[in-house]
Amino acid sequence: MQSVARGSAIVLLLVAVSWAVSCGSGSPAATDTAHADAAVADTADLPAPSEVEGADTGHNADGAAELPPAEAFLFVKAPWLLNVGEDHVTVAWESDVQLATPSVVITTDAGPRLVTGTSGPLDLSHGPAVGKPPVTFQNRVQLTGLTAGSTVSYVVRNASGDAPGSFRTAPQKTGSAHLVVYGDTRIDEDAHRRVVEAFSAEAPDLLVHTGDLVHVPTEAALQVFFDVLSLVSADVPIVATIGNHETDLFRAWFLGFLEPPEGFEDGTNTAFAYGPAYFVVVNSLRDPSRPGFVDWFKGELTKAEGWPYRFVMFHSPIHTFSNHAPWEKGGEVIEPLLSEYGVTAVLAGHNHCYERFEVAGIPQLTLGGGGAPLYDVESNLVPGEEQFLKADGKFYHYLVLDLTPEAATARVMVVTPDTVEPFDAFTRPPAP
């Protein structure tokens, strides 16, 4: 976990000596990352509050501008990043108390600025939410006006110890992107941690999760998930599809923590662009032949034609030889549209193994090796489909996607307690 031990006085004493002395007792602890040091140090040039987005204007006795003091709280869940785009991202964290004004100081090419947000209970109004709501508070600060493909350093202000981070905004569709995809992270915390530690070395721009974040999405289980993810969550935005262990009974927990953009029916069927890629995310727990879905799906695939790479993502694979049977309804309704709309690849999970099928030249991947108990491969062969299987294996893993104007390059990395080794790789051209 990245350190959250820097007192907010480090930021504030650089701006207003008159009250920084009262805030700045003790020596700050060292942070884990070099970019965190830069994020704090750069705030020395903070402009006056009247020039700072979201800040209240105030002056000390000498007429010098000052920032409002940071509030004190405990980080229940360390910061994570949501809904990243070319010019925006949302910084989220969970605190033990409700904050009057949650705030973030960011450092960009244009200089540092203060942005404030909202604080309140977890919003469970988006659907069923089995289990007792948490007694903690969700904080959201939306950063806007950013530059595409730029690195942004920030600090979540906390009088009990700031939390620094750094992320890259989405590049333009003509640019390049570096992504990691994995899924099925439930039950085995140690295995999940090894996978996250391994792909953290990749320094991805975006983390894509193929569902089943936890075994049962209770507050306790989600706490474990976010604790492990905190190895990267302050620096890498996350997106996910809903899995069968989230289920519609726990849909509000999934939507409340990850806040995907509204799509068809709700945020479990959604779509988003990231750099040269357009993602269409489907809830495979629901029947795709229901009224309205196909029109929505075709509409999103039509939008995707404006991007070089198009990915369709859902939890249950259409093709698999492992423990859970293939998603037949997906095969009937969704698969015929993949070639028609030039889909680059299909990303799925559900079965706790790696599989790559290729149907009509389109890779369809099972990426379920993020920490759940592993399943045997080729244990449930489907007659006539052996010709489509290109690679498989029973191991913990993640997928690295490098998207450039020339090609989409994918490589699968196997994670053991002692090693991280390549296993499979393929490339796909951009759409014409």
Protein backbone atom coordinates (compact mmCIF):
# COMPACT_ATOMS: atom_id res chain seq x y z
CA MET A 1 0.00 0.00 0.00
CA GLN A 2 1.26 3.41 -0.79
CA SER A 3 2.06 5.43 2.29
CA VAL A 4 -0.59 7.83 3.62
CA ALA A 5 1.68 9.13 6.35
CA ARG A 6 2.54 12.58 5.02
CA GLY A 7 0.84 15.17 7.21
CA SER A 8 -1.16 17.79 5.38
CA ALA A 9 1.06 20.37 7.04
CA ILE A 10 3.69 19.55 4.42
CA VAL A 11 1.38 21.06 1.82
CA LEU A 12 0.03 23.86 3.95
CA LEU A 13 3.13 25.29 5.60
CA LEU A 14 4.46 26.06 2.14
CA VAL A 15 1.47 28.34 1.60
CA ALA A 16 0.69 30.02 4.93
CA VAL A 17 3.24 30.08 7.73
CA SER A 18 0.81 31.72 10.12
CA TRP A 19 -1.19 28.52 10.66
CA ALA A 20 1.20 25.89 9.30
CA VAL A 21 3.15 25.84 12.54
CA SER A 22 0.08 24.70 14.42
CA CYS A 23 -0.52 21.93 11.87
CA GLY A 24 3.01 20.73 11.29
CA SER A 25 4.34 18.98 14.41
CA GLY A 26 6.48 15.88 13.91
CA SER A 27 8.56 14.62 11.00
CA PRO A 28 6.80 13.27 7.95
CA ALA A 29 7.27 9.60 7.17
CA ALA A 30 8.91 8.65 3.90
CA THR A 31 6.65 7.62 1.06
CA ASP A 32 6.94 4.48 -1.04
CA THR A 33 7.23 6.19 -4.42
CA ALA A 34 9.35 8.90 -5.95
CA HIS A 35 6.43 10.49 -7.75
CA ALA A 36 4.70 10.93 -4.38
CA ASP A 37 7.62 13.09 -3.21
CA ALA A 38 7.26 15.25 -6.31
CA ALA A 39 3.49 15.55 -5.84
CA VAL A 40 3.97 17.07 -2.39
CA ALA A 41 7.05 19.14 -3.12
CA ASP A 42 5.50 20.80 -6.18
CA THR A 43 2.81 22.40 -4.04
CA ALA A 44 5.38 24.97 -2.90
CA ASP A 45 4.22 27.15 -5.79
CA LEU A 46 0.52 26.95 -5.02
CA PRO A 47 -1.29 30.10 -6.15
CA ALA A 48 -3.58 32.18 -3.96
CA PRO A 49 -6.94 30.55 -3.14
CA SER A 50 -8.78 32.90 -5.49
CA GLU A 51 -6.76 31.26 -8.29
CA VAL A 52 -7.28 27.73 -7.03
CA GLU A 53 -10.23 25.68 -8.19
CA GLY A 54 -12.61 24.83 -5.35
CA ALA A 55 -10.73 26.75 -2.65
CA ASP A 56 -12.25 29.26 -0.25
CA THR A 57 -10.67 32.70 -0.33
CA GLY A 58 -9.10 33.68 2.99
CA HIS A 59 -6.25 35.82 4.31
CA ASN A 60 -4.16 35.83 7.44
CA ALA A 61 -3.42 38.92 9.54
CA ASP A 62 -0.70 40.03 7.12
CA GLY A 63 -3.04 39.81 4.13
CA ALA A 64 -1.28 36.70 2.69
CA ALA A 65 -3.49 34.15 0.95
CA GLU A 66 -3.94 30.81 2.71
CA LEU A 67 -5.55 27.44 2.03
CA PRO A 68 -8.25 26.13 4.38
CA PRO A 69 -6.86 23.60 6.86
CA ALA A 70 -7.20 19.94 5.94
CA GLU A 71 -9.63 17.80 7.91
CA ALA A 72 -8.42 14.86 9.98
CA PHE A 73 -9.72 11.34 9.31
CA LEU A 74 -8.65 7.72 8.87
CA PHE A 75 -8.37 6.15 5.44
CA VAL A 76 -10.63 3.09 5.64
CA LYS A 77 -10.01 2.42 1.95
CA ALA A 78 -7.00 4.05 0.34
CA PRO A 79 -7.61 6.21 -2.73
CA TRP A 80 -8.71 4.59 -5.97
CA LEU A 81 -9.39 6.14 -9.40
CA LEU A 82 -12.62 5.98 -11.41
CA ASN A 83 -14.02 7.08 -14.77
CA VAL A 84 -10.80 8.30 -16.33
CA GLY A 85 -10.98 10.17 -19.62
CA GLU A 86 -8.86 12.50 -21.71
CA ASP A 87 -9.57 15.47 -19.45
CA HIS A 88 -11.00 14.02 -16.23
CA VAL A 89 -10.84 11.39 -13.49
CA THR A 90 -12.57 10.82 -10.16
CA VAL A 91 -10.45 10.31 -7.03
CA ALA A 92 -12.31 8.14 -4.50
CA TRP A 93 -11.54 7.10 -0.95
CA GLU A 94 -13.37 5.89 2.14
CA SER A 95 -13.08 7.62 5.52
CA ASP A 96 -14.17 6.86 9.05
CA VAL A 97 -15.98 10.20 9.37
CA GLN A 98 -17.99 12.32 6.97
CA LEU A 99 -15.90 15.20 5.68
CA ALA A 100 -17.20 18.73 5.34
CA THR A 101 -15.03 19.36 2.28
CA PRO A 102 -12.95 16.47 0.91
CA SER A 103 -10.10 17.95 -1.09
CA VAL A 104 -7.28 17.04 -3.42
CA VAL A 105 -4.28 19.10 -4.52
CA ILE A 106 -3.16 18.22 -8.04
CA THR A 107 -0.02 19.13 -9.93
CA THR A 108 -0.27 19.48 -13.69
CA ASP A 109 1.70 21.22 -16.42
CA ALA A 110 -0.39 24.29 -15.64
CA GLY A 111 0.63 24.20 -11.97
CA PRO A 112 -0.93 22.98 -8.73
CA ARG A 113 -4.56 23.54 -7.80
CA LEU A 114 -6.99 22.53 -5.09
CA VAL A 115 -10.21 20.68 -5.98
CA THR A 116 -13.00 19.82 -3.56
CA GLY A 117 -15.69 17.16 -3.72
CA THR A 118 -18.44 15.40 -1.84
CA SER A 119 -18.63 13.09 1.19
CA GLY A 120 -21.44 10.82 2.31
CA PRO A 121 -22.63 7.25 2.93
CA LEU A 122 -22.20 4.61 0.22
CA ASP A 123 -24.98 5.08 -2.33
CA LEU A 124 -26.88 1.79 -2.40
CA SER A 125 -29.86 3.15 -4.30
CA HIS A 126 -28.90 1.59 -7.64
CA GLY A 127 -30.43 -1.81 -6.94
CA PRO A 128 -30.49 -4.66 -4.43
CA ALA A 129 -27.84 -4.58 -1.71
CA VAL A 130 -27.87 -7.67 0.48
CA GLY A 131 -25.98 -7.08 3.72
CA LYS A 132 -25.60 -4.26 6.19
CA PRO A 133 -24.47 -0.91 4.71
CA PRO A 134 -21.07 0.29 5.93
CA VAL A 135 -20.90 2.93 8.64
CA THR A 136 -18.03 4.64 6.84
CA PHE A 137 -18.16 7.43 4.27
CA GLN A 138 -17.43 7.67 0.56
CA ASN A 139 -15.49 10.66 -0.74
CA ARG A 140 -15.40 11.66 -4.39
CA VAL A 141 -13.40 14.47 -5.97
CA GLN A 142 -13.74 14.92 -9.73
CA LEU A 143 -10.71 16.38 -11.45
CA THR A 144 -11.53 18.12 -14.72
CA GLY A 145 -9.79 20.32 -17.26
CA LEU A 146 -6.85 17.93 -17.60
CA THR A 147 -4.78 17.28 -20.73
CA ALA A 148 -5.06 14.06 -22.73
CA GLY A 149 -2.20 11.63 -22.20
CA SER A 150 -0.63 13.67 -19.40
CA THR A 151 0.74 12.55 -16.05
CA VAL A 152 -1.04 14.12 -13.09
CA SER A 153 0.33 13.98 -9.54
CA TYR A 154 -2.04 14.61 -6.68
CA VAL A 155 -2.38 14.51 -2.90
CA VAL A 156 -5.52 13.64 -0.98
CA ARG A 157 -5.39 16.15 1.89
CA ASN A 158 -5.68 14.72 5.41
CA ALA A 159 -4.48 16.40 8.60
CA SER A 160 -3.70 12.91 9.92
CA GLY A 161 -1.50 12.04 6.92
CA ASP A 162 -1.87 12.84 3.22
CA ALA A 163 -2.17 10.19 0.50
CA PRO A 164 -0.21 10.89 -2.70
CA GLY A 165 -0.77 9.36 -6.12
CA SER A 166 -0.04 9.84 -9.80
CA PHE A 167 -1.95 8.71 -12.89
CA ARG A 168 -2.06 9.19 -16.64
CA THR A 169 -5.13 10.62 -18.31
CA ALA A 170 -6.52 8.76 -21.29
CA PRO A 171 -4.61 9.48 -24.48
CA GLN A 172 -6.33 10.65 -27.64
CA LYS A 173 -7.64 7.92 -29.93
CA THR A 174 -4.60 8.41 -32.19
CA GLY A 175 -2.25 7.72 -29.27
CA SER A 176 -0.98 4.61 -27.51
CA ALA A 177 -2.15 2.89 -24.32
CA HIS A 178 -0.72 0.31 -21.92
CA LEU A 179 -3.37 -1.78 -20.12
CA VAL A 180 -3.55 -4.76 -17.76
CA VAL A 181 -6.55 -7.12 -17.74
CA TYR A 182 -7.31 -9.73 -15.07
CA GLY A 183 -10.27 -11.18 -13.18
CA ASP A 184 -11.76 -13.54 -10.60
CA THR A 185 -9.84 -12.25 -7.61
CA ARG A 186 -12.03 -13.75 -4.89
CA ILE A 187 -11.10 -15.91 -1.88
CA ASP A 188 -7.28 -16.23 -2.00
CA GLU A 189 -5.94 -12.89 -0.78
CA ASP A 190 -2.30 -14.01 -1.03
CA ALA A 191 -2.65 -15.17 -4.64
CA HIS A 192 -4.43 -11.95 -5.56
CA ARG A 193 -1.67 -9.94 -3.91
CA ARG A 194 1.02 -11.78 -5.88
CA VAL A 195 -0.77 -11.03 -9.14
CA VAL A 196 -1.15 -7.34 -8.29
CA GLU A 197 2.47 -7.11 -7.18
CA ALA A 198 3.51 -8.69 -10.47
CA PHE A 199 1.55 -6.41 -12.76
CA SER A 200 2.40 -3.32 -10.73
CA ALA A 201 5.85 -3.58 -12.34
CA GLU A 202 4.13 -3.02 -15.70
CA ALA A 203 2.98 0.46 -14.57
CA PRO A 204 -0.26 0.17 -16.56
CA ASP A 205 -2.33 3.18 -17.58
CA LEU A 206 -5.62 1.37 -16.91
CA LEU A 207 -6.69 -1.76 -15.02
CA VAL A 208 -9.53 -3.81 -16.50
CA HIS A 209 -11.26 -6.44 -14.33
CA THR A 210 -13.39 -9.21 -15.88
CA GLY A 211 -15.63 -9.72 -12.83
CA ASP A 212 -15.93 -11.60 -9.53
CA LEU A 213 -14.00 -9.07 -7.50
CA VAL A 214 -14.94 -10.88 -4.28
CA HIS A 215 -16.69 -14.09 -3.22
CA VAL A 216 -19.63 -12.24 -1.66
CA PRO A 217 -19.60 -8.42 -1.92
CA THR A 218 -19.99 -7.64 1.74
CA GLU A 219 -18.16 -4.73 3.33
CA ALA A 220 -15.58 -7.10 4.88
CA ALA A 221 -14.82 -8.86 1.58
CA LEU A 222 -14.63 -5.59 -0.35
CA GLN A 223 -12.25 -4.25 2.30
CA VAL A 224 -9.84 -7.10 1.57
CA PHE A 225 -10.15 -6.48 -2.17
CA PHE A 226 -9.39 -2.77 -1.83
CA ASP A 227 -6.55 -3.42 0.64
CA VAL A 228 -4.83 -5.62 -1.94
CA LEU A 229 -5.62 -3.25 -4.79
CA SER A 230 -4.14 -0.33 -2.84
CA LEU A 231 -0.76 -1.49 -4.14
CA VAL A 232 -1.72 0.27 -7.39
CA SER A 233 -5.13 1.90 -6.93
CA ALA A 234 -3.86 5.44 -6.26
CA ASP A 235 -2.02 5.39 -9.60
CA VAL A 236 -4.07 3.19 -11.96
CA PRO A 237 -7.77 3.78 -12.74
CA ILE A 238 -9.95 0.66 -12.61
CA VAL A 239 -12.94 -0.49 -14.65
CA ALA A 240 -14.78 -3.80 -14.28
CA THR A 241 -17.64 -5.94 -15.48
CA ILE A 242 -20.07 -7.47 -12.99
CA GLY A 243 -19.55 -11.16 -12.22
CA ASN A 244 -21.80 -13.93 -10.96
CA HIS A 245 -20.43 -13.48 -7.42
CA GLU A 246 -21.45 -9.84 -7.46
CA THR A 247 -24.86 -10.97 -8.82
CA ASP A 248 -27.85 -8.73 -9.24
CA LEU A 249 -28.56 -9.21 -5.51
CA PHE A 250 -25.40 -7.24 -4.73
CA ARG A 251 -25.53 -4.93 -7.75
CA ALA A 252 -25.71 -1.76 -5.66
CA TRP A 253 -22.41 -2.57 -3.93
CA PHE A 254 -20.68 -3.03 -7.29
CA LEU A 255 -22.15 0.16 -8.75
CA GLY A 256 -21.61 2.15 -5.56
CA PHE A 257 -17.89 1.47 -5.35
CA LEU A 258 -16.96 1.48 -9.07
CA GLU A 259 -19.53 3.98 -10.43
CA PRO A 260 -19.48 2.91 -14.09
CA PRO A 261 -21.21 5.30 -16.49
CA GLU A 262 -24.90 4.70 -17.09
CA GLY A 263 -25.63 2.43 -20.03
CA PHE A 264 -28.48 0.08 -20.89
CA GLU A 265 -30.70 -0.36 -17.80
CA ASP A 266 -27.86 0.57 -15.44
CA GLY A 267 -24.08 0.74 -15.21
CA THR A 268 -23.65 -3.03 -15.55
CA ASN A 269 -24.21 -2.67 -19.30
CA THR A 270 -22.06 0.25 -20.31
CA ALA A 271 -19.41 1.50 -22.70
CA PHE A 272 -16.42 3.80 -22.56
CA ALA A 273 -13.49 4.97 -24.63
CA TYR A 274 -9.89 4.88 -23.51
CA GLY A 275 -7.35 6.22 -25.98
CA PRO A 276 -7.38 4.13 -29.17
CA ALA A 277 -9.84 1.60 -27.70
CA TYR A 278 -13.59 1.48 -27.22
CA PHE A 279 -14.96 -0.99 -24.67
CA VAL A 280 -18.51 -2.36 -24.62
CA VAL A 281 -19.24 -3.95 -21.23
CA VAL A 282 -22.08 -6.47 -20.96
CA ASN A 283 -23.80 -7.99 -17.93
CA SER A 284 -23.71 -11.72 -18.74
CA LEU A 285 -26.02 -12.47 -15.80
CA ARG A 286 -28.94 -11.26 -17.90
CA ASP A 287 -30.51 -12.65 -21.06
CA PRO A 288 -29.11 -10.72 -24.05
CA SER A 289 -32.26 -11.49 -26.05
CA ARG A 290 -34.40 -9.33 -23.74
CA PRO A 291 -36.13 -6.33 -25.31
CA GLY A 292 -33.89 -3.39 -26.08
CA PHE A 293 -30.52 -4.99 -25.43
CA VAL A 294 -29.54 -5.85 -29.00
CA ASP A 295 -30.39 -2.35 -30.22
CA TRP A 296 -28.25 -0.86 -27.45
CA PHE A 297 -25.39 -3.29 -28.14
CA LYS A 298 -25.41 -2.59 -31.88
CA GLY A 299 -25.53 1.12 -31.16
CA GLU A 300 -22.41 0.93 -29.02
CA LEU A 301 -20.59 -1.21 -31.59
CA THR A 302 -21.49 1.39 -34.20
CA LYS A 303 -19.93 4.10 -32.01
CA ALA A 304 -16.87 1.87 -31.58
CA GLU A 305 -16.23 2.02 -35.32
CA GLY A 306 -14.67 5.42 -34.70
CA TRP A 307 -11.80 3.76 -32.75
CA PRO A 308 -8.93 1.59 -34.03
CA TYR A 309 -9.56 -1.12 -31.43
CA ARG A 310 -12.91 -2.43 -30.13
CA PHE A 311 -13.23 -4.74 -27.13
CA VAL A 312 -16.32 -6.51 -25.82
CA MET A 313 -16.15 -7.54 -22.19
CA PHE A 314 -18.39 -9.76 -20.07
CA HIS A 315 -17.89 -12.23 -17.25
CA SER A 316 -19.07 -15.61 -18.64
CA PRO A 317 -17.11 -16.82 -21.68
CA ILE A 318 -18.90 -17.89 -24.85
CA HIS A 319 -16.21 -20.50 -25.52
CA THR A 320 -14.61 -22.52 -22.71
CA PHE A 321 -13.61 -26.09 -21.90
CA SER A 322 -13.25 -25.53 -18.14
CA ASN A 323 -15.47 -25.87 -15.09
CA HIS A 324 -18.44 -23.61 -15.93
CA ALA A 325 -20.33 -24.24 -19.16
CA PRO A 326 -20.16 -21.75 -22.05
CA TRP A 327 -22.55 -18.79 -22.11
CA GLU A 328 -24.87 -20.14 -24.78
CA LYS A 329 -27.14 -17.10 -24.96
CA GLY A 330 -24.09 -14.94 -25.56
CA GLY A 331 -23.09 -17.26 -28.38
CA GLU A 332 -26.52 -16.96 -29.96
CA VAL A 333 -27.01 -13.20 -29.64
CA ILE A 334 -23.61 -11.50 -29.22
CA GLU A 335 -21.11 -13.62 -31.14
CA PRO A 336 -22.67 -13.15 -34.63
CA LEU A 337 -22.18 -9.38 -34.25
CA LEU A 338 -18.46 -9.51 -33.37
CA SER A 339 -17.18 -9.97 -36.92
CA GLU A 340 -19.78 -7.67 -38.42
CA TYR A 341 -18.53 -4.76 -36.29
CA GLY A 342 -14.81 -5.56 -36.42
CA VAL A 343 -14.29 -6.42 -32.74
CA THR A 344 -10.61 -6.73 -31.80
CA ALA A 345 -11.01 -9.25 -28.94
CA VAL A 346 -13.43 -10.53 -26.32
CA LEU A 347 -12.42 -10.36 -22.65
CA ALA A 348 -14.11 -12.71 -20.15
CA GLY A 349 -13.44 -14.56 -16.89
CA HIS A 350 -15.65 -16.84 -14.75
CA ASN A 351 -13.55 -19.97 -15.24
CA HIS A 352 -10.41 -19.75 -13.11
CA CYS A 353 -7.86 -20.46 -15.80
CA TYR A 354 -6.50 -18.99 -19.01
CA GLU A 355 -7.99 -19.84 -22.39
CA ARG A 356 -7.64 -18.33 -25.84
CA PHE A 357 -10.12 -19.36 -28.48
CA GLU A 358 -10.16 -17.81 -31.93
CA VAL A 359 -13.45 -17.77 -33.80
CA ALA A 360 -13.63 -16.03 -37.18
CA GLY A 361 -10.17 -14.65 -36.41
CA ILE A 362 -11.28 -12.90 -33.21
CA PRO A 363 -9.53 -13.90 -29.96
CA GLN A 364 -11.94 -14.76 -27.16
CA LEU A 365 -10.09 -14.88 -23.84
CA THR A 366 -10.87 -16.40 -20.46
CA LEU A 367 -8.87 -14.37 -17.93
CA GLY A 368 -9.95 -15.83 -14.59
CA GLY A 369 -6.62 -16.31 -12.83
CA GLY A 370 -6.56 -13.32 -10.48
CA GLY A 371 -6.75 -15.13 -7.15
CA ALA A 372 -9.75 -17.48 -7.12
CA PRO A 373 -9.20 -21.26 -6.74
CA LEU A 374 -7.85 -22.53 -10.04
CA TYR A 375 -9.87 -24.81 -12.34
CA ASP A 376 -8.67 -27.59 -14.62
CA VAL A 377 -8.54 -26.85 -18.33
CA GLU A 378 -10.04 -29.06 -21.05
CA SER A 379 -12.19 -30.79 -18.42
CA ASN A 380 -15.46 -30.11 -20.29
CA LEU A 381 -14.73 -30.38 -23.99
CA VAL A 382 -17.39 -29.10 -26.36
CA PRO A 383 -17.54 -31.33 -29.45
CA GLY A 384 -16.57 -29.54 -32.64
CA GLU A 385 -14.88 -26.61 -30.90
CA GLU A 386 -11.40 -28.08 -30.45
CA GLN A 387 -10.34 -26.31 -33.65
CA PHE A 388 -10.90 -22.92 -32.01
CA LEU A 389 -8.68 -23.48 -28.96
CA LYS A 390 -5.24 -21.91 -29.37
CA ALA A 391 -3.83 -21.89 -25.82
CA ASP A 392 -4.87 -22.66 -22.24
CA GLY A 393 -3.43 -23.23 -18.79
CA LYS A 394 -4.22 -23.62 -15.11
CA PHE A 395 -2.33 -20.81 -13.38
CA TYR A 396 -2.64 -17.34 -11.91
CA HIS A 397 -2.06 -14.73 -14.57
CA TYR A 398 -2.79 -11.34 -16.10
CA LEU A 399 -2.92 -9.97 -19.63
CA VAL A 400 -0.88 -6.99 -20.85
CA LEU A 401 -2.40 -5.04 -23.74
CA ASP A 402 -0.22 -2.58 -25.63
CA LEU A 403 -2.23 -0.53 -28.10
CA THR A 404 -0.33 1.52 -30.67
CA PRO A 405 -1.31 2.98 -34.04
CA GLU A 406 0.38 -0.02 -35.66
CA ALA A 407 -1.03 -2.98 -33.68
CA ALA A 408 -2.62 -4.32 -30.53
CA THR A 409 -0.10 -6.61 -28.84
CA ALA A 410 -1.25 -8.97 -26.09
CA ARG A 411 0.92 -11.06 -23.79
CA VAL A 412 -0.16 -13.32 -20.96
CA MET A 413 2.04 -13.44 -17.86
CA VAL A 414 1.98 -16.41 -15.49
CA VAL A 415 2.43 -15.62 -11.79
CA THR A 416 3.84 -18.17 -9.33
CA PRO A 417 5.10 -17.57 -5.77
CA ASP A 418 8.61 -17.19 -7.19
CA THR A 419 8.40 -16.12 -10.83
CA VAL A 420 6.54 -14.08 -13.43
CA GLU A 421 6.91 -15.65 -16.87
CA PRO A 422 5.36 -15.08 -20.32
CA PHE A 423 3.03 -17.79 -21.60
CA ASP A 424 1.03 -16.70 -24.64
CA ALA A 425 1.05 -13.77 -27.02
CA PHE A 426 -0.79 -12.53 -30.09
CA THR A 427 -1.26 -9.35 -32.11
CA ARG A 428 -4.25 -7.76 -33.81
CA PRO A 429 -4.24 -5.03 -36.44
CA PRO A 430 -6.18 -1.82 -36.03
CA ALA A 431 -9.53 -1.69 -37.73
CA PRO A 432 -9.34 -0.39 -41.30
